[in-house]
């Protein structure tokens, strides 16, 4: 590795600036320039991983973070980012291993504790997840704030109020739609998307046949559909209680739109993306 090469560091600085400016493709290109000079540059691999993740290329991002971590094994952030990318691809075993390595290399690495919170949440250990998240917040209050929360009763009240605002005809149809609240998406729900959705991105889901697809010729299409709301992902999206309530309503109306037969483009036109 070429240490402190001014030309290399200048290119890498430009890559970080491109990423911060919302130009991940330019960041990847600049990182590749660095890697042509020094194929084992951990910083270039790390920034490349961040850029690839911004582009939605999770598998490539995970490979970049892993390469960065192996090039510099004491860099806790590389292990934590590799763990997060692995988690998003549902490689839970590898995510746990990388997360543990991040915390072992630097017990004060907040991202490592945040990824540990996600893994505990995935396992259904909500008290453990809250403790890990509180530790991440203690290490970096601005980067890892505690998300707002709503109780089951509060969610039910908000959903009932939102349903009451619908047109009476739509409310009649909704009487046969089950609306469920779950903590996190399940693997089978994530697999319904192509490519599979990240467990952190899915806020709600609709399963079953829409009104437009119902037909007496197909008895299966008449079975009651289901809308699922994912509590923890909604909470992570919000910076305060008001925003959480707003996002919950938007997510509910989005999934009701799918039940009515609206496409993603239709929903986006209506401000329900």
Protein backbone atom coordinates (compact mmCIF):
# COMPACT_ATOMS: atom_id res chain seq x y z
CA UNK A 1 0.00 0.00 0.00
CA UNK A 2 1.18 3.49 -0.83
CA UNK A 3 0.97 5.47 2.41
CA UNK A 4 -0.05 9.13 2.35
CA UNK A 5 0.45 9.54 -1.41
CA UNK A 6 -0.85 13.11 -2.03
CA UNK A 7 -2.25 12.20 -5.44
CA UNK A 8 -4.11 9.19 -4.03
CA UNK A 9 -5.48 11.13 -1.07
CA UNK A 10 -6.62 13.96 -3.36
CA UNK A 11 -8.60 11.54 -5.54
CA UNK A 12 -10.08 9.87 -2.47
CA UNK A 13 -11.10 13.24 -1.04
CA UNK A 14 -12.85 14.01 -4.33
CA UNK A 15 -14.65 10.64 -4.13
CA UNK A 16 -15.93 11.45 -0.64
CA UNK A 17 -17.07 14.89 -1.81
CA UNK A 18 -18.90 13.32 -4.76
CA UNK A 19 -20.65 10.90 -2.41
CA UNK A 20 -21.62 13.69 -0.02
CA UNK A 21 -22.99 15.67 -2.99
CA UNK A 22 -25.24 12.78 -3.99
CA UNK A 23 -23.14 11.52 -6.91
CA UNK A 24 -22.30 7.91 -5.97
CA UNK A 25 -21.46 6.88 -9.55
CA UNK A 26 -18.73 9.55 -9.66
CA UNK A 27 -17.50 8.34 -6.25
CA UNK A 28 -17.17 4.77 -7.56
CA UNK A 29 -15.26 5.99 -10.61
CA UNK A 30 -12.83 8.01 -8.45
CA UNK A 31 -12.32 5.12 -6.04
CA UNK A 32 -11.50 2.89 -9.00
CA UNK A 33 -8.79 5.38 -9.99
CA UNK A 34 -7.25 5.02 -6.54
CA UNK A 35 -7.46 1.22 -6.72
CA UNK A 36 -5.58 1.22 -10.02
CA UNK A 37 -2.74 2.89 -8.16
CA UNK A 38 -3.07 0.89 -4.95
CA UNK A 39 -5.28 -2.19 -5.23
CA UNK A 40 -5.34 -2.68 -1.45
CA UNK A 41 -6.18 0.85 -0.36
CA UNK A 42 -8.68 0.31 2.52
CA UNK A 43 -10.05 3.84 2.34
CA UNK A 44 -10.86 3.51 -1.35
CA UNK A 45 -12.60 0.19 -0.79
CA UNK A 46 -14.57 1.65 2.13
CA UNK A 47 -15.78 4.72 0.22
CA UNK A 48 -16.51 2.51 -2.78
CA UNK A 49 -18.71 0.37 -0.52
CA UNK A 50 -20.66 3.43 0.66
CA UNK A 51 -21.14 4.57 -2.94
CA UNK A 52 -22.26 1.14 -4.15
CA UNK A 53 -24.73 0.87 -1.33
CA UNK A 54 -26.15 4.29 -2.30
CA UNK A 55 -26.59 2.87 -5.81
CA UNK A 56 -28.47 -0.15 -4.43
CA UNK A 57 -25.70 -2.62 -5.34
CA UNK A 58 -25.68 -4.35 -1.95
CA UNK A 59 -23.72 -7.45 -2.90
CA UNK A 60 -20.94 -5.37 -4.46
CA UNK A 61 -21.01 -3.00 -1.48
CA UNK A 62 -20.63 -5.91 0.92
CA UNK A 63 -17.63 -7.20 -1.06
CA UNK A 64 -16.05 -3.74 -0.95
CA UNK A 65 -16.55 -3.37 2.82
CA UNK A 66 -15.17 -6.88 3.40
CA UNK A 67 -12.11 -6.09 1.28
CA UNK A 68 -11.59 -2.85 3.24
CA UNK A 69 -11.85 -4.73 6.54
CA UNK A 70 -9.39 -7.42 5.46
CA UNK A 71 -6.97 -4.77 4.19
CA UNK A 72 -7.13 -3.05 7.57
CA UNK A 73 -8.49 -5.50 10.16
CA UNK A 74 -8.47 -2.97 13.00
CA UNK A 75 -10.89 -0.62 11.18
CA UNK A 76 -14.12 -1.20 13.09
CA UNK A 77 -16.24 0.89 10.72
CA UNK A 78 -15.40 -1.39 7.80
CA UNK A 79 -16.54 -4.44 9.78
CA UNK A 80 -19.70 -2.63 10.93
CA UNK A 81 -20.58 -1.55 7.39
CA UNK A 82 -19.92 -5.06 6.12
CA UNK A 83 -22.20 -6.36 8.86
CA UNK A 84 -24.95 -3.93 7.90
CA UNK A 85 -24.74 -4.81 4.19
CA UNK A 86 -24.81 -8.52 5.09
CA UNK A 87 -27.88 -7.93 7.25
CA UNK A 88 -29.66 -6.15 4.42
CA UNK A 89 -28.98 -9.18 2.21
CA UNK A 90 -30.31 -11.45 5.00
CA UNK A 91 -26.94 -13.11 5.51
CA UNK A 92 -27.61 -13.02 9.24
CA UNK A 93 -24.76 -15.33 10.25
CA UNK A 94 -22.17 -13.19 8.46
CA UNK A 95 -23.76 -10.00 9.79
CA UNK A 96 -23.39 -11.27 13.36
CA UNK A 97 -19.78 -12.23 12.78
CA UNK A 98 -18.88 -8.86 11.27
CA UNK A 99 -20.77 -6.93 13.95
CA UNK A 100 -18.98 -8.79 16.74
CA UNK A 101 -15.65 -8.12 15.05
CA UNK A 102 -16.46 -4.38 14.79
CA UNK A 103 -17.23 -4.13 18.50
CA UNK A 104 -14.21 -6.22 19.42
CA UNK A 105 -11.90 -3.98 17.38
CA UNK A 106 -13.44 -0.82 18.85
CA UNK A 107 -16.03 -1.10 21.65
CA UNK A 108 -16.78 2.60 21.11
CA UNK A 109 -17.84 2.19 17.48
CA UNK A 110 -21.50 3.33 17.42
CA UNK A 111 -22.37 1.72 14.08
CA UNK A 112 -21.32 -1.66 15.42
CA UNK A 113 -23.74 -1.28 18.33
CA UNK A 114 -26.47 -0.07 15.97
CA UNK A 115 -26.06 -3.13 13.77
CA UNK A 116 -26.15 -5.28 16.90
CA UNK A 117 -29.47 -3.62 17.78
CA UNK A 118 -30.84 -4.54 14.34
CA UNK A 119 -29.74 -8.15 14.76
CA UNK A 120 -31.31 -8.41 18.22
CA UNK A 121 -34.48 -6.87 16.84
CA UNK A 122 -34.48 -9.44 14.04
CA UNK A 123 -34.21 -12.18 16.67
CA UNK A 124 -37.21 -10.73 18.49
CA UNK A 125 -35.16 -9.55 21.47
CA UNK A 126 -36.66 -6.07 21.76
CA UNK A 127 -35.23 -5.29 25.24
CA UNK A 128 -31.74 -6.27 24.05
CA UNK A 129 -32.18 -4.23 20.89
CA UNK A 130 -33.15 -1.16 22.92
CA UNK A 131 -30.09 -1.55 25.15
CA UNK A 132 -27.78 -1.84 22.14
CA UNK A 133 -29.41 1.17 20.46
CA UNK A 134 -29.13 3.17 23.68
CA UNK A 135 -25.42 2.35 23.74
CA UNK A 136 -25.03 3.53 20.12
CA UNK A 137 -26.83 6.73 21.04
CA UNK A 138 -24.60 7.23 24.08
CA UNK A 139 -21.56 6.98 21.80
CA UNK A 140 -23.02 9.20 19.04
CA UNK A 141 -26.24 11.03 20.05
CA UNK A 142 -26.59 12.88 16.74
CA UNK A 143 -25.85 9.92 14.49
CA UNK A 144 -27.98 7.37 16.34
CA UNK A 145 -30.94 9.08 18.07
CA UNK A 146 -33.56 6.99 19.80
CA UNK A 147 -36.54 6.75 17.42
CA UNK A 148 -40.04 7.80 18.48
CA UNK A 149 -42.38 4.97 19.41
CA UNK A 150 -46.11 4.26 19.33
CA UNK A 151 -47.91 1.71 21.46
CA UNK A 152 -50.22 -0.90 19.93
CA UNK A 153 -53.24 1.07 21.16
CA UNK A 154 -51.92 4.27 19.60
CA UNK A 155 -51.32 2.56 16.26
CA UNK A 156 -54.83 1.09 16.33
CA UNK A 157 -56.31 4.52 17.06
CA UNK A 158 -54.36 6.18 14.22
CA UNK A 159 -55.34 3.43 11.76
CA UNK A 160 -59.00 3.66 12.77
CA UNK A 161 -58.96 7.42 12.35
CA UNK A 162 -57.31 7.15 8.92
CA UNK A 163 -59.87 4.57 7.76
CA UNK A 164 -62.70 6.85 8.87
CA UNK A 165 -61.45 9.46 6.38
CA UNK A 166 -61.93 7.13 3.41
CA UNK A 167 -64.91 7.29 1.08
CA UNK A 168 -67.75 5.16 2.50
CA UNK A 169 -67.62 2.79 -0.48
CA UNK A 170 -63.91 2.14 0.11
CA UNK A 171 -64.54 1.68 3.84
CA UNK A 172 -67.07 -1.03 2.98
CA UNK A 173 -64.48 -2.89 0.91
CA UNK A 174 -61.89 -2.46 3.68
CA UNK A 175 -64.13 -4.30 6.12
CA UNK A 176 -62.76 -7.59 4.73
CA UNK A 177 -59.10 -6.54 4.71
CA UNK A 178 -56.98 -7.62 7.67
CA UNK A 179 -54.61 -4.89 8.88
CA UNK A 180 -51.75 -6.31 10.94
CA UNK A 181 -48.88 -4.74 12.86
CA UNK A 182 -45.52 -6.57 12.86
CA UNK A 183 -42.16 -5.53 14.27
CA UNK A 184 -40.02 -6.40 11.23
CA UNK A 185 -40.61 -7.83 7.74
CA UNK A 186 -40.29 -11.58 7.41
CA UNK A 187 -37.97 -13.20 4.84
CA UNK A 188 -40.91 -14.46 2.77
CA UNK A 189 -42.33 -10.93 2.56
CA UNK A 190 -38.98 -9.54 1.43
CA UNK A 191 -38.67 -12.29 -1.18
CA UNK A 192 -41.86 -11.08 -2.91
CA UNK A 193 -39.85 -8.23 -4.43
CA UNK A 194 -37.37 -8.43 -7.31
CA UNK A 195 -34.69 -7.96 -6.18
CA UNK A 196 -35.64 -8.93 -2.61
CA UNK A 197 -36.34 -5.89 -0.44
CA UNK A 198 -33.99 -4.83 2.33
CA UNK A 199 -35.35 -5.62 5.82
CA UNK A 200 -34.74 -1.94 6.63
CA UNK A 201 -36.65 -0.43 3.69
CA UNK A 202 -40.04 -2.12 3.78
CA UNK A 203 -42.58 -0.01 5.70
CA UNK A 204 -45.69 -1.95 4.74
CA UNK A 205 -46.87 -4.68 2.42
CA UNK A 206 -50.07 -5.84 0.72
CA UNK A 207 -50.74 -9.48 0.00
CA UNK A 208 -53.71 -10.97 -1.83
CA UNK A 209 -55.70 -9.92 -4.85
CA UNK A 210 -56.66 -6.32 -5.50
CA UNK A 211 -60.23 -5.32 -6.23
CA UNK A 212 -59.30 -5.12 -9.92
CA UNK A 213 -58.12 -8.75 -9.89
CA UNK A 214 -61.18 -10.26 -8.23
CA UNK A 215 -63.21 -12.61 -10.36
CA UNK A 216 -65.89 -15.20 -9.67
CA UNK A 217 -64.03 -17.42 -12.13
CA UNK A 218 -61.14 -17.55 -9.67
CA UNK A 219 -62.34 -18.39 -6.15
CA UNK A 220 -58.84 -17.78 -4.75
CA UNK A 221 -59.08 -14.13 -5.76
CA UNK A 222 -62.02 -13.70 -3.38
CA UNK A 223 -60.00 -14.59 -0.28
CA UNK A 224 -59.55 -11.69 2.18
CA UNK A 225 -56.30 -9.78 1.52
CA UNK A 226 -53.91 -8.52 4.19
CA UNK A 227 -52.07 -5.26 4.85
CA UNK A 228 -49.06 -5.42 7.16
CA UNK A 229 -47.43 -2.39 8.79
CA UNK A 230 -43.83 -2.77 10.01
CA UNK A 231 -43.46 -0.83 13.23
CA UNK A 232 -39.66 -0.68 13.68
CA UNK A 233 -38.91 0.46 10.13
CA UNK A 234 -41.51 3.20 10.41
CA UNK A 235 -39.98 4.36 13.69
CA UNK A 236 -36.51 4.46 12.13
CA UNK A 237 -37.81 6.66 9.31
CA UNK A 238 -39.16 9.33 11.67
CA UNK A 239 -37.33 12.02 13.61
CA UNK A 240 -40.26 12.78 15.93
CA UNK A 241 -43.70 11.55 16.91
CA UNK A 242 -45.61 13.77 14.46
CA UNK A 243 -43.54 12.53 11.55
CA UNK A 244 -44.03 8.92 12.68
CA UNK A 245 -47.82 9.38 12.72
CA UNK A 246 -47.68 11.01 9.28
CA UNK A 247 -45.55 8.19 7.86
CA UNK A 248 -47.84 5.56 9.37
CA UNK A 249 -50.84 7.15 7.65
CA UNK A 250 -49.00 7.47 4.32
CA UNK A 251 -47.91 3.82 4.49
CA UNK A 252 -51.45 2.67 5.30
CA UNK A 253 -52.94 4.66 2.41
CA UNK A 254 -50.18 3.37 0.11
CA UNK A 255 -51.09 -0.25 0.83
CA UNK A 256 -54.82 0.52 0.56
CA UNK A 257 -53.97 1.93 -2.87
CA UNK A 258 -52.51 -1.45 -3.86
CA UNK A 259 -55.70 -3.11 -2.62
CA UNK A 260 -57.68 -0.79 -4.91
CA UNK A 261 -55.45 -1.80 -7.83
CA UNK A 262 -53.24 1.28 -8.07
CA UNK A 263 -49.68 0.88 -9.35
CA UNK A 264 -46.56 2.35 -7.76
CA UNK A 265 -46.64 5.10 -10.40
CA UNK A 266 -50.27 5.89 -9.56
CA UNK A 267 -49.42 6.08 -5.86
CA UNK A 268 -46.43 8.31 -6.53
CA UNK A 269 -48.65 10.69 -8.53
CA UNK A 270 -50.90 10.91 -5.48
CA UNK A 271 -48.03 11.66 -3.11
CA UNK A 272 -48.17 8.20 -1.51
CA UNK A 273 -44.75 6.92 -2.54
